[in-house]
Amino acid sequence: MMEFDLLLLHARIADVFRYRLFEGWVGIRDGRFIAVEAGDPPQGIRAKETRDLAGRIIMPGLIDSHLHIESSLLTPRRFAEAVLPFGTTTILSDPHEVGNVAGEDGVKWMIAASQDLPLRIYHSIPSCVPATSPEIEWTYRVFDAATIRRLAGQPTVIALGEVMDYRGLLGPNERLRAIVRAARENNLLIEGHIPTLAGTELSQYLAHGISSDHTLTFPAKIQEQISKGLAVMLQTKSLTPENMAALAQLPDRSHIILVTDDIEPSLLIDGHLSRIVALAIETGMPPLEAIAAATIRPARYLGLRDHGAIAPGFLADFLVMDDIATFPPAQVYLSGQRVASAGEMDADIARENPAQPDYPGIPGPFAAGDFKLDGNGGSGIVGAQVVALENVESTLTRLEQAALRLQDGCAQFQEDDGLALACVIARDGSSRMVGLIANTGLREGAWASSVAHDCHNLLVIGRCREAMALAANAVHALDGGVAVATREGVTASLRLPFFGLLSDEPVAEVADGLAAVEDAMRRIGAHQTRPFLAFSIMSLSVSPYAKFTDKGIVDTETRQLIQPFAPEDEPVA
């Protein structure tokens, strides 16, 4: 006689191995699927609880195999509350944001804060702390091979986080190569970050054991990466009709995976990985294949052999759905226990967060004079280097040159020149730079944030030095967060007291706070589709093709620092 804790009858079962729905029944015991069968159950079965699903679909819980919890601006418990109701039951989190702010102790904090939650959270060890090297940007701690060996023994660690310094791995960064070797010695999966490599350079990078890429992609890139054995991860920006058409031509799509990567709290109000699944279907991916790309495929990629399918012996993490692509699910189950219904958690996650470790606070206070372009007080026409955003949708930038007038070290902007100041200040106050940025849309005012990928030093962008000081001082007073100011005062702010990155408030409150900040950014001219994300990535030193650090402007392809303008004895003709 078969006995179950939960018996589900008259279900339509999503088979992610054969891409089909079939009518049948499911028996669950001790948190796992024991029986998954077509038709009706035989006589004599006993169960503590029996549910008749009356033709509803059951499908595996969604698995997000590449993300950063910190991009949600939420602590792990609040993140779990936000994503579980939309069907995400398992994630691989790369805590490199907290790692950059608080070092090894910060990573341990994220792991500890993720324990005992009704969301399966696995972790990768950040590979790039800092994202490039200490010569290019300041960070509180520098990770090395010994760091990886120590953290590899932490619970739930299964991977080395994305190797973002792809040029460094190919060239001068011996510290990074030793980190990758240590990861391989500890049998960790090694995640990639490959925005520009192709041909022999791609092959050399992959030869270090890299297993995936989640960066912006296009058909030729997908084809080469699949042929070279990579898991190709598609996030929102890669779900284009052109890519969907290219995927349809592949004879084997088992290495195509859907991920979120970075997703702000405002987007979490309406979904999580569910949004990517729905978008993939909308742009042409067959529905059951989209489900497979967010369940069994990431499970196989991560080496989680009992995750991602409704099959005997697998963990009973599943969703009850009215339709294959209609989210949120009617119910969400983890280990056979219901945790969410109709888009809401069934119970609050009341656990306390661990105490924060020591880490540098937010520098300040500041005066308008701290945001001079030339700290020596120079005057005249200079040849300025300008980091220019390419469009309002992406964070791609290019390096341009412009003639700029200085007066006592201060940039003299013209009304329609499209320029603004960008300043990065190390969290310990030891170094700073002020440079020029173009195409932000700013007409006035300033924005400041301690969320500044990936080292999360203080980043200030503005047209007005007085407003820059006001915004920066607001972030300093908040002990971390983001603020927008005009010359008259601060117009919006959001406090992020955990590492200057995270809030422990519910997602709706954080989303409202960020929405107010973005509204204030738009009022002073910011025209990006996602202005907070776009601005905060202007300090990401591995993001093509030029970005800012506390040391200068970085050419991210050559890994060279560039000073913001030429000396006065090299005037522009």
Protein backbone atom coordinates (compact mmCIF):
# COMPACT_ATOMS: atom_id res chain seq x y z
CA MET A 1 0.00 0.00 0.00
CA MET A 2 1.33 3.45 -0.97
CA GLU A 3 1.06 6.22 1.60
CA PHE A 4 1.62 9.92 0.96
CA ASP A 5 1.59 13.16 2.86
CA LEU A 6 -0.15 14.89 -0.05
CA LEU A 7 -2.04 13.37 -2.98
CA LEU A 8 -2.90 15.56 -5.99
CA LEU A 9 -5.63 14.28 -8.31
CA HIS A 10 -6.84 15.32 -11.77
CA ALA A 11 -3.81 17.47 -12.47
CA ARG A 12 -2.31 18.50 -15.78
CA ILE A 13 1.38 17.84 -15.19
CA ALA A 14 4.09 19.88 -16.94
CA ASP A 15 6.70 17.45 -18.27
CA VAL A 16 9.83 19.58 -18.78
CA PHE A 17 11.73 16.65 -20.27
CA ARG A 18 9.34 16.06 -23.19
CA TYR A 19 7.74 19.51 -23.35
CA ARG A 20 4.18 18.31 -22.85
CA LEU A 21 1.23 18.43 -20.48
CA PHE A 22 -0.37 15.16 -19.44
CA GLU A 23 -3.31 14.38 -17.17
CA GLY A 24 -2.45 12.43 -14.07
CA TRP A 25 -1.85 12.30 -10.34
CA VAL A 26 1.04 13.00 -7.98
CA GLY A 27 1.96 11.58 -4.58
CA ILE A 28 4.31 13.48 -2.23
CA ARG A 29 6.04 12.18 0.87
CA ASP A 30 8.75 13.75 3.08
CA GLY A 31 9.00 16.77 0.79
CA ARG A 32 9.64 14.82 -2.42
CA PHE A 33 7.65 13.52 -5.35
CA ILE A 34 7.23 9.78 -4.93
CA ALA A 35 4.67 8.99 -7.63
CA VAL A 36 4.05 10.98 -10.82
CA GLU A 37 1.68 9.01 -13.02
CA ALA A 38 -0.81 9.40 -15.88
CA GLY A 39 -4.50 8.70 -15.39
CA ASP A 40 -6.11 7.91 -12.04
CA PRO A 41 -4.40 6.36 -9.01
CA PRO A 42 -4.98 2.67 -8.22
CA GLN A 43 -7.16 1.55 -5.33
CA GLY A 44 -5.71 1.38 -1.82
CA ILE A 45 -3.64 4.59 -1.82
CA ARG A 46 -3.72 6.50 1.45
CA ALA A 47 -2.80 10.14 2.05
CA LYS A 48 -2.87 12.56 4.96
CA GLU A 49 -4.26 15.19 2.58
CA THR A 50 -5.89 14.81 -0.83
CA ARG A 51 -6.55 17.66 -3.26
CA ASP A 52 -8.53 17.52 -6.47
CA LEU A 53 -6.93 20.04 -8.84
CA ALA A 54 -9.81 19.76 -11.32
CA GLY A 55 -7.57 20.15 -14.36
CA ARG A 56 -5.24 22.81 -13.03
CA ILE A 57 -1.60 22.68 -14.17
CA ILE A 58 1.24 21.77 -11.85
CA MET A 59 4.73 22.75 -12.92
CA PRO A 60 8.14 22.92 -11.22
CA GLY A 61 9.06 25.96 -9.17
CA LEU A 62 11.15 28.48 -11.09
CA ILE A 63 14.94 28.45 -10.66
CA ASP A 64 16.94 31.65 -11.22
CA SER A 65 20.52 30.59 -11.81
CA HIS A 66 22.09 34.04 -11.99
CA LEU A 67 21.13 37.05 -9.88
CA HIS A 68 22.28 39.51 -7.25
CA ILE A 69 19.85 39.91 -4.36
CA GLU A 70 21.37 43.30 -3.61
CA SER A 71 20.02 44.77 -6.86
CA SER A 72 16.55 44.43 -5.35
CA LEU A 73 17.73 46.72 -2.51
CA LEU A 74 16.23 44.13 -0.12
CA THR A 75 17.63 41.92 2.60
CA PRO A 76 17.39 38.19 1.77
CA ARG A 77 14.26 37.66 3.87
CA ARG A 78 12.44 40.54 2.18
CA PHE A 79 13.63 39.30 -1.22
CA ALA A 80 12.18 35.87 -0.46
CA GLU A 81 8.86 37.46 0.47
CA ALA A 82 8.85 39.31 -2.85
CA VAL A 83 9.70 36.48 -5.25
CA LEU A 84 8.07 33.36 -3.77
CA PRO A 85 4.50 34.46 -4.57
CA PHE A 86 5.49 34.70 -8.25
CA GLY A 87 6.81 31.15 -8.37
CA THR A 88 10.57 31.48 -7.82
CA THR A 89 11.54 28.71 -5.42
CA THR A 90 15.32 28.41 -5.93
CA ILE A 91 18.07 30.91 -6.77
CA LEU A 92 21.83 31.16 -7.14
CA SER A 93 22.84 34.48 -5.61
CA ASP A 94 26.19 36.16 -6.27
CA PRO A 95 26.66 38.58 -3.33
CA HIS A 96 29.45 40.55 -4.94
CA GLU A 97 27.84 43.87 -4.05
CA VAL A 98 28.02 43.21 -0.31
CA GLY A 99 31.38 41.50 -0.84
CA ASN A 100 32.81 44.70 -2.29
CA VAL A 101 31.48 46.77 0.61
CA ALA A 102 32.26 44.48 3.56
CA GLY A 103 34.66 41.84 2.24
CA GLU A 104 34.60 38.21 3.31
CA ASP A 105 32.52 39.02 6.39
CA GLY A 106 29.92 40.62 4.14
CA VAL A 107 29.60 37.45 2.06
CA LYS A 108 29.23 35.40 5.25
CA TRP A 109 26.50 37.81 6.38
CA MET A 110 24.56 37.27 3.16
CA ILE A 111 24.88 33.49 3.53
CA ALA A 112 23.75 33.60 7.17
CA ALA A 113 20.85 35.94 6.35
CA SER A 114 19.70 33.50 3.64
CA GLN A 115 19.47 30.46 5.89
CA ASP A 116 16.17 28.95 7.07
CA LEU A 117 14.02 30.86 4.59
CA PRO A 118 11.17 29.38 2.55
CA LEU A 119 13.28 30.04 -0.57
CA ARG A 120 16.19 27.82 -1.57
CA ILE A 121 19.16 30.19 -1.80
CA TYR A 122 22.49 28.89 -3.07
CA HIS A 123 25.52 31.13 -3.31
CA SER A 124 28.48 31.84 -5.51
CA ILE A 125 31.64 33.38 -4.10
CA PRO A 126 32.38 36.77 -5.65
CA SER A 127 35.37 36.42 -7.97
CA CYS A 128 35.97 40.10 -8.61
CA VAL A 129 36.44 42.09 -5.42
CA PRO A 130 37.30 44.62 -6.68
CA ALA A 131 35.76 44.20 -10.15
CA THR A 132 39.17 44.88 -11.73
CA SER A 133 42.17 45.64 -9.51
CA PRO A 134 43.16 47.90 -6.59
CA GLU A 135 45.17 50.03 -9.01
CA ILE A 136 41.99 50.89 -10.92
CA GLU A 137 39.53 51.31 -8.03
CA TRP A 138 39.43 51.31 -4.25
CA THR A 139 37.64 48.59 -2.37
CA TYR A 140 37.52 47.70 1.31
CA ARG A 141 39.05 44.24 0.86
CA VAL A 142 40.75 42.44 -2.02
CA PHE A 143 39.73 38.82 -2.57
CA ASP A 144 42.41 36.29 -3.42
CA ALA A 145 42.70 32.51 -3.79
CA ALA A 146 42.85 32.03 -0.02
CA THR A 147 39.54 33.88 0.31
CA ILE A 148 37.94 31.49 -2.17
CA ARG A 149 39.25 28.43 -0.34
CA ARG A 150 37.85 29.68 2.97
CA LEU A 151 34.44 30.62 1.60
CA ALA A 152 34.13 27.40 -0.41
CA GLY A 153 33.42 25.62 2.88
CA GLN A 154 30.43 27.84 3.71
CA PRO A 155 26.98 26.23 3.55
CA THR A 156 25.10 26.60 0.23
CA VAL A 157 28.20 27.71 -1.73
CA ILE A 158 28.27 25.92 -5.08
CA ALA A 159 29.92 28.35 -7.52
CA LEU A 160 32.45 31.08 -8.20
CA GLY A 161 30.64 34.27 -9.17
CA GLU A 162 30.88 35.83 -12.61
CA VAL A 163 34.46 36.46 -13.70
CA MET A 164 33.83 40.02 -14.83
CA ASP A 165 37.43 41.09 -15.40
CA TYR A 166 37.59 39.13 -18.64
CA ARG A 167 40.50 41.20 -19.95
CA GLY A 168 42.35 40.69 -16.69
CA LEU A 169 41.90 36.91 -16.87
CA LEU A 170 43.38 36.96 -20.37
CA GLY A 171 46.21 39.27 -19.40
CA PRO A 172 47.83 40.78 -16.33
CA ASN A 173 45.58 39.69 -13.44
CA GLU A 174 47.47 36.79 -11.87
CA ARG A 175 45.44 37.23 -8.66
CA LEU A 176 42.28 36.50 -10.64
CA ARG A 177 43.79 33.46 -12.36
CA ALA A 178 44.74 32.07 -8.95
CA ILE A 179 41.15 32.68 -7.77
CA VAL A 180 39.80 30.68 -10.71
CA ARG A 181 42.28 27.86 -10.08
CA ALA A 182 41.22 27.72 -6.42
CA ALA A 183 37.58 27.48 -7.50
CA ARG A 184 38.34 24.57 -9.82
CA GLU A 185 40.31 22.81 -7.09
CA ASN A 186 37.24 23.11 -4.86
CA ASN A 187 34.91 21.77 -7.58
CA LEU A 188 32.96 25.01 -7.86
CA LEU A 189 30.97 25.94 -10.94
CA ILE A 190 32.57 29.04 -12.52
CA GLU A 191 30.26 31.71 -13.89
CA GLY A 192 31.23 33.98 -16.76
CA HIS A 193 30.70 37.56 -17.87
CA ILE A 194 31.52 37.95 -21.56
CA PRO A 195 30.19 41.11 -23.20
CA THR A 196 32.76 41.41 -26.01
CA LEU A 197 35.01 38.34 -26.38
CA ALA A 198 34.89 36.20 -29.51
CA GLY A 199 37.16 33.89 -31.48
CA THR A 200 40.45 32.88 -29.90
CA GLU A 201 40.04 35.37 -27.04
CA LEU A 202 36.75 33.72 -26.09
CA SER A 203 38.37 30.30 -26.30
CA GLN A 204 41.25 31.34 -24.05
CA TYR A 205 38.79 32.75 -21.50
CA LEU A 206 36.66 29.60 -21.52
CA ALA A 207 39.72 27.38 -21.17
CA HIS A 208 39.91 28.56 -17.54
CA GLY A 209 36.71 26.59 -16.85
CA ILE A 210 34.08 29.29 -17.42
CA SER A 211 30.62 27.76 -17.80
CA SER A 212 28.12 30.53 -18.65
CA ASP A 213 27.44 34.00 -19.97
CA HIS A 214 24.47 36.24 -19.12
CA THR A 215 25.49 39.48 -20.85
CA LEU A 216 23.68 41.18 -23.74
CA THR A 217 23.72 38.79 -26.70
CA PHE A 218 22.86 38.53 -30.40
CA PRO A 219 22.50 35.62 -32.88
CA ALA A 220 26.14 35.17 -33.90
CA LYS A 221 27.28 35.39 -30.28
CA ILE A 222 24.72 32.77 -29.21
CA GLN A 223 25.83 30.39 -31.95
CA GLU A 224 29.53 30.67 -31.11
CA GLN A 225 28.97 30.33 -27.37
CA ILE A 226 26.73 27.28 -27.77
CA SER A 227 29.33 25.66 -30.04
CA LYS A 228 31.98 26.30 -27.38
CA GLY A 229 29.98 24.62 -24.62
CA LEU A 230 28.58 27.57 -22.70
CA ALA A 231 25.25 27.88 -20.97
CA VAL A 232 23.75 30.95 -22.64
CA MET A 233 21.64 32.91 -20.16
CA LEU A 234 18.99 35.26 -21.50
CA GLN A 235 17.77 38.17 -19.44
CA THR A 236 15.24 40.81 -20.47
CA LYS A 237 17.53 42.79 -22.75
CA SER A 238 18.43 39.66 -24.76
CA LEU A 239 14.86 38.49 -25.41
CA THR A 240 14.64 39.99 -28.89
CA PRO A 241 12.84 38.64 -31.97
CA GLU A 242 16.21 38.22 -33.69
CA ASN A 243 17.54 36.05 -30.87
CA MET A 244 14.35 34.00 -30.71
CA ALA A 245 14.61 33.32 -34.43
CA ALA A 246 18.23 32.23 -34.00
CA LEU A 247 17.32 29.92 -31.14
CA ALA A 248 14.62 28.26 -33.24
CA GLN A 249 17.33 27.13 -35.67
CA LEU A 250 19.38 25.34 -32.99
CA PRO A 251 18.95 21.55 -33.00
CA ASP A 252 19.65 21.45 -29.24
CA ARG A 253 18.48 24.30 -27.01
CA SER A 254 19.13 22.58 -23.69
CA HIS A 255 21.85 25.13 -22.81
CA ILE A 256 19.55 28.13 -23.19
CA ILE A 257 18.52 29.41 -19.74
CA LEU A 258 16.36 32.31 -18.54
CA VAL A 259 17.70 34.53 -15.72
CA THR A 260 17.00 37.91 -14.13
CA ASP A 261 20.52 39.12 -13.14
CA ASP A 262 19.67 42.60 -11.77
CA ILE A 263 16.08 43.51 -11.00
CA GLU A 264 14.94 46.54 -9.03
CA PRO A 265 12.22 46.50 -6.35
CA SER A 266 9.71 48.33 -8.57
CA LEU A 267 9.81 45.42 -11.03
CA LEU A 268 9.38 42.86 -8.24
CA ILE A 269 5.90 44.20 -7.51
CA ASP A 270 4.63 42.44 -10.65
CA GLY A 271 6.86 39.38 -10.84
CA HIS A 272 10.38 38.01 -10.84
CA LEU A 273 11.67 35.22 -13.09
CA SER A 274 8.02 34.87 -14.06
CA ARG A 275 8.39 38.16 -15.98
CA ILE A 276 11.24 36.71 -18.05
CA VAL A 277 9.30 33.50 -18.74
CA ALA A 278 6.26 35.47 -19.91
CA LEU A 279 8.42 37.73 -22.10
CA ALA A 280 10.21 34.73 -23.64
CA ILE A 281 6.84 33.23 -24.59
CA GLU A 282 5.62 36.56 -25.93
CA THR A 283 8.70 36.86 -28.18
CA GLY A 284 8.30 33.38 -29.64
CA MET A 285 9.64 30.71 -27.30
CA PRO A 286 7.22 27.74 -27.01
CA PRO A 287 5.59 27.90 -23.56
CA LEU A 288 6.78 24.54 -22.23
CA GLU A 289 10.27 25.22 -23.48
CA ALA A 290 10.26 28.56 -21.66
CA ILE A 291 9.22 26.72 -18.49
CA ALA A 292 12.06 24.22 -19.03
CA ALA A 293 14.51 27.11 -19.52
CA ALA A 294 13.55 28.36 -16.05
CA THR A 295 13.37 25.00 -14.25
CA ILE A 296 15.15 21.82 -15.37
CA ARG A 297 17.80 23.53 -17.49
CA PRO A 298 19.10 25.81 -14.71
CA ALA A 299 18.88 22.89 -12.27
CA ARG A 300 21.10 20.79 -14.55
CA TYR A 301 23.47 23.71 -15.09
CA LEU A 302 23.83 24.21 -11.33
CA GLY A 303 24.32 20.50 -10.68
CA LEU A 304 21.16 20.32 -8.56
CA ARG A 305 20.11 16.86 -9.68
CA ASP A 306 16.90 16.70 -7.64
CA HIS A 307 15.59 20.18 -8.53
CA GLY A 308 13.57 21.51 -11.43
CA ALA A 309 11.09 18.81 -12.46
CA ILE A 310 7.96 17.00 -11.38
CA ALA A 311 9.40 13.51 -11.32
CA PRO A 312 9.94 10.73 -8.76
CA GLY A 313 12.66 11.52 -6.23
CA PHE A 314 12.73 15.24 -7.03
CA LEU A 315 12.08 17.90 -4.40
CA ALA A 316 8.39 18.77 -4.29
CA ASP A 317 8.84 22.44 -5.19
CA PHE A 318 5.95 23.20 -7.52
CA LEU A 319 3.36 25.70 -8.70
CA VAL A 320 -0.36 25.24 -9.20
CA MET A 321 -1.36 27.25 -12.28
CA ASP A 322 -4.60 28.11 -14.02
CA ASP A 323 -2.65 28.55 -17.26
CA ILE A 324 0.92 27.70 -18.25
CA ALA A 325 2.01 31.34 -18.59
CA THR A 326 -0.35 33.21 -16.25
CA PHE A 327 1.42 34.49 -13.14
CA PRO A 328 1.24 34.72 -10.18
CA PRO A 329 0.47 31.04 -9.54
CA ALA A 330 -2.65 30.02 -7.65
CA GLN A 331 -0.37 28.30 -5.11
CA VAL A 332 3.38 27.88 -4.55
CA TYR A 333 4.73 24.82 -2.73
CA LEU A 334 8.19 24.19 -1.30
CA SER A 335 9.00 20.63 -0.14
CA GLY A 336 5.30 19.84 -0.46
CA GLN A 337 4.26 22.69 1.87
CA ARG A 338 2.27 25.64 0.60
CA VAL A 339 4.14 28.93 1.07
CA ALA A 340 2.19 31.38 -1.12
CA SER A 341 -1.25 31.76 -2.68
CA ALA A 342 -2.70 34.14 -5.27
CA GLY A 343 0.34 36.41 -5.29
CA GLU A 344 0.71 36.68 -1.51
CA MET A 345 2.84 34.93 1.09
CA ASP A 346 0.87 32.60 3.34
CA ALA A 347 2.93 33.72 6.34
CA ASP A 348 5.38 36.50 7.14
CA ILE A 349 9.07 35.67 7.39
CA ALA A 350 9.71 36.90 10.89
CA ARG A 351 13.35 35.86 11.38
CA GLU A 352 15.90 38.44 12.53
CA ASN A 353 18.79 39.54 10.34
CA PRO A 354 22.31 38.86 11.61
CA ALA A 355 24.28 41.76 13.06
CA GLN A 356 26.19 43.64 10.36
CA PRO A 357 29.97 43.26 10.33
CA ASP A 358 32.31 46.25 10.30
CA TYR A 359 32.72 48.08 6.99
CA PRO A 360 33.47 51.65 5.89
CA GLY A 361 30.57 54.05 6.15
CA ILE A 362 29.64 56.79 3.73
CA PRO A 363 32.16 59.64 3.33
CA GLY A 364 31.15 63.24 3.98
CA PRO A 365 30.08 65.89 4.61
CA PHE A 366 30.96 67.81 1.44
CA ALA A 367 30.94 71.35 0.09
CA ALA A 368 30.40 72.54 -3.45
CA GLY A 369 34.15 73.07 -3.80
CA ASP A 370 34.71 69.31 -3.49
CA PHE A 371 33.19 68.84 -6.94
CA LYS A 372 35.55 70.99 -8.97
CA LEU A 373 36.69 69.30 -12.16
CA ASP A 374 40.23 70.55 -11.59
CA GLY A 375 41.17 70.49 -7.94
CA ASN A 376 44.12 72.82 -8.63
CA GLY A 377 41.78 75.63 -9.63
CA GLY A 378 42.82 75.91 -13.26
CA SER A 379 41.10 78.20 -15.76
CA GLY A 380 40.87 78.26 -19.54
CA ILE A 381 39.88 75.94 -22.34
CA VAL A 382 40.89 72.30 -21.87
CA GLY A 383 40.47 69.11 -23.86
CA ALA A 384 38.11 67.04 -21.74
CA GLN A 385 37.45 63.30 -21.89
CA VAL A 386 33.73 62.59 -21.78
CA VAL A 387 31.97 59.30 -20.96
CA ALA A 388 28.87 59.39 -23.18
CA LEU A 389 25.84 57.15 -22.74
CA GLU A 390 24.89 55.66 -26.11
CA ASN A 391 21.11 55.59 -25.64
CA VAL A 392 18.34 55.67 -23.06
CA GLU A 393 17.89 51.89 -22.95
CA SER A 394 21.37 50.50 -22.24
CA THR A 395 24.38 51.32 -20.11
CA LEU A 396 26.83 51.10 -23.01
CA THR A 397 29.08 54.13 -23.14
CA ARG A 398 31.73 55.50 -25.45
CA LEU A 399 34.63 57.86 -24.83
CA GLU A 400 34.42 61.24 -26.54
CA GLN A 401 36.44 64.45 -26.41
CA ALA A 402 35.12 67.97 -25.95
CA ALA A 403 36.45 71.46 -25.46
CA LEU A 404 35.49 72.67 -22.00
CA ARG A 405 35.95 76.01 -20.29
CA LEU A 406 37.17 75.94 -16.69
CA GLN A 407 36.91 78.84 -14.26
CA ASP A 408 38.87 78.33 -11.04
CA GLY A 409 38.62 74.57 -11.55
CA CYS A 410 34.86 74.63 -12.14
CA ALA A 411 33.27 73.40 -15.36
CA GLN A 412 31.38 76.12 -17.21
CA PHE A 413 28.46 74.32 -18.82
CA GLN A 414 26.40 75.62 -21.72
CA GLU A 415 22.64 75.24 -21.50
CA ASP A 416 22.31 72.62 -24.25
CA ASP A 417 25.71 70.88 -24.13
CA GLY A 418 24.31 67.67 -22.59
CA LEU A 419 27.17 67.48 -20.09
CA ALA A 420 27.23 66.80 -16.35
CA LEU A 421 29.80 66.06 -13.68
CA ALA A 422 30.40 62.54 -12.37
CA CYS A 423 32.29 62.08 -9.13
CA VAL A 424 33.36 58.85 -7.40
CA ILE A 425 34.63 59.04 -3.83
CA ALA A 426 36.17 56.02 -2.07
CA ARG A 427 34.16 54.96 0.97
CA ASP A 428 37.12 55.61 3.23
CA GLY A 429 37.61 59.06 1.68
CA SER A 430 41.13 58.22 0.53
CA SER A 431 40.65 58.99 -3.16
CA ARG A 432 38.23 60.66 -5.53
CA MET A 433 37.87 61.81 -9.12
CA VAL A 434 35.59 64.22 -10.94
CA GLY A 435 34.95 63.73 -14.64
CA LEU A 436 32.45 64.53 -17.37
CA ILE A 437 29.47 62.47 -18.48
CA ALA A 438 27.21 63.12 -21.47
CA ASN A 439 23.65 62.21 -22.45
CA THR A 440 22.24 61.74 -18.95
CA GLY A 441 19.51 64.24 -19.82
CA LEU A 442 20.19 66.26 -16.65
CA ARG A 443 19.34 69.95 -16.96
CA GLU A 444 19.93 70.85 -13.29
CA GLY A 445 20.41 69.36 -9.84
CA ALA A 446 22.19 66.17 -8.84
CA TRP A 447 21.86 62.52 -7.85
CA ALA A 448 24.02 60.70 -5.27
CA SER A 449 24.12 57.04 -4.29
CA SER A 450 26.03 54.51 -2.22
CA VAL A 451 24.66 51.90 -4.65
CA ALA A 452 27.32 52.30 -7.34
CA HIS A 453 28.28 49.07 -9.06
CA ASP A 454 30.39 47.22 -8.18
CA CYS A 455 32.67 48.71 -5.54
CA HIS A 456 29.78 50.83 -4.24
CA ASN A 457 31.86 53.85 -3.45
CA LEU A 458 29.91 57.11 -3.30
CA LEU A 459 28.81 58.14 -6.81
CA VAL A 460 27.49 61.65 -7.50
CA ILE A 461 26.22 62.85 -10.89
CA GLY A 462 24.97 66.40 -11.42
CA ARG A 463 24.92 69.67 -13.31
CA CYS A 464 25.21 71.85 -10.20
CA ARG A 465 28.03 71.55 -7.65
CA GLU A 466 25.89 72.93 -4.82
CA ALA A 467 23.22 70.32 -5.55
CA MET A 468 25.88 67.61 -5.73
CA ALA A 469 27.03 68.53 -2.23
CA LEU A 470 23.44 68.49 -0.94
CA ALA A 471 22.70 65.07 -2.47
CA ALA A 472 25.99 63.56 -1.27
CA ASN A 473 25.46 64.93 2.24
CA ALA A 474 21.95 63.44 2.32
CA VAL A 475 23.37 59.98 1.54
CA HIS A 476 26.02 60.51 4.21
CA ALA A 477 23.34 61.49 6.76
CA LEU A 478 21.23 58.43 5.84
CA ASP A 479 24.29 56.21 6.44
CA GLY A 480 23.70 54.84 2.95
CA GLY A 481 21.11 55.15 0.25
CA VAL A 482 20.25 57.42 -2.64
CA ALA A 483 19.20 61.07 -2.87
CA VAL A 484 18.22 63.67 -5.46
CA ALA A 485 18.69 67.40 -4.93
CA THR A 486 18.34 70.75 -6.62
CA ARG A 487 20.15 73.91 -5.60
CA GLU A 488 17.27 74.59 -3.20
CA GLY A 489 17.43 71.27 -1.33
CA VAL A 490 16.88 67.50 -1.32
CA THR A 491 13.78 66.48 -3.27
CA ALA A 492 13.75 62.69 -2.70
CA SER A 493 15.74 60.05 -0.86
CA LEU A 494 15.73 56.38 0.07
CA ARG A 495 17.56 55.00 3.11
CA LEU A 496 19.48 51.72 2.68
CA PRO A 497 20.97 51.03 6.12
CA PHE A 498 22.41 47.56 5.44
CA PHE A 499 25.84 48.13 3.86
CA GLY A 500 24.46 51.24 2.15
CA LEU A 501 22.82 48.78 -0.25
CA LEU A 502 19.81 47.10 1.35
CA SER A 503 16.59 47.83 3.20
CA ASP A 504 14.70 45.49 5.52
CA GLU A 505 11.37 47.12 4.74
CA PRO A 506 8.73 45.27 2.65
CA VAL A 507 9.27 45.39 -1.10
CA ALA A 508 6.26 47.67 -1.69
CA GLU A 509 7.71 50.35 0.61
CA VAL A 510 11.16 50.15 -0.97
CA ALA A 511 9.61 50.23 -4.44
CA ASP A 512 7.64 53.35 -3.52
CA GLY A 513 10.80 54.99 -2.18
CA LEU A 514 12.77 54.18 -5.32
CA ALA A 515 9.87 55.37 -7.51
CA ALA A 516 9.96 58.71 -5.71
CA VAL A 517 13.71 58.93 -6.34
CA GLU A 518 13.29 58.12 -10.03
CA ASP A 519 10.46 60.65 -10.36
CA ALA A 520 12.76 63.26 -8.84
CA MET A 521 15.53 62.22 -11.26
CA ARG A 522 13.16 62.70 -14.20
CA ARG A 523 12.13 66.14 -12.94
CA ILE A 524 15.75 67.30 -13.23
CA GLY A 525 16.01 65.79 -16.71
CA ALA A 526 17.14 62.14 -16.44
CA HIS A 527 15.61 60.43 -19.48
CA GLN A 528 16.77 56.82 -19.18
CA THR A 529 14.13 54.09 -19.19
CA ARG A 530 15.53 52.85 -15.86
CA PRO A 531 17.39 55.92 -14.57
CA PHE A 532 18.48 54.59 -11.19
CA LEU A 533 20.02 51.47 -12.74
CA ALA A 534 21.63 53.43 -15.57
CA PHE A 535 23.26 55.96 -13.26
CA SER A 536 24.40 53.36 -10.71
CA ILE A 537 26.26 51.39 -13.40
CA MET A 538 28.35 54.39 -14.46
CA SER A 539 31.00 53.22 -11.98
CA LEU A 540 31.03 49.57 -13.12
CA SER A 541 34.63 49.28 -14.26
CA VAL A 542 34.07 46.21 -16.47
CA SER A 543 31.00 47.53 -18.31
CA PRO A 544 31.76 48.52 -21.93
CA TYR A 545 33.30 50.79 -22.92
CA ALA A 546 34.24 53.55 -20.46
CA LYS A 547 33.23 54.12 -16.84
CA PHE A 548 34.30 56.09 -13.76
CA THR A 549 36.16 55.00 -10.62
CA ASP A 550 37.73 56.91 -7.75
CA LYS A 551 41.02 56.74 -9.68
CA GLY A 552 39.88 58.11 -13.04
CA ILE A 553 38.04 57.15 -16.22
CA VAL A 554 38.51 53.50 -17.16
CA ASP A 555 38.76 52.23 -20.71
CA THR A 556 37.16 48.89 -19.85
CA GLU A 557 38.60 47.06 -22.86
CA THR A 558 42.24 48.06 -22.34
CA ARG A 559 41.96 48.32 -18.52
CA GLN A 560 43.71 51.69 -18.73
CA LEU A 561 43.00 54.70 -16.54
CA ILE A 562 42.45 57.96 -18.38
CA GLN A 563 42.62 61.36 -16.72
CA PRO A 564 39.54 63.51 -17.24
CA PHE A 565 41.19 66.30 -19.21
CA ALA A 566 44.46 67.36 -20.79
CA PRO A 567 46.86 69.72 -18.98
CA GLU A 568 46.40 73.41 -19.61
CA ASP A 569 49.52 73.52 -21.76
CA GLU A 570 47.81 71.24 -24.27
CA PRO A 571 44.96 73.50 -25.39
CA VAL A 572 42.29 72.38 -27.81
CA ALA A 573 42.68 74.00 -31.24
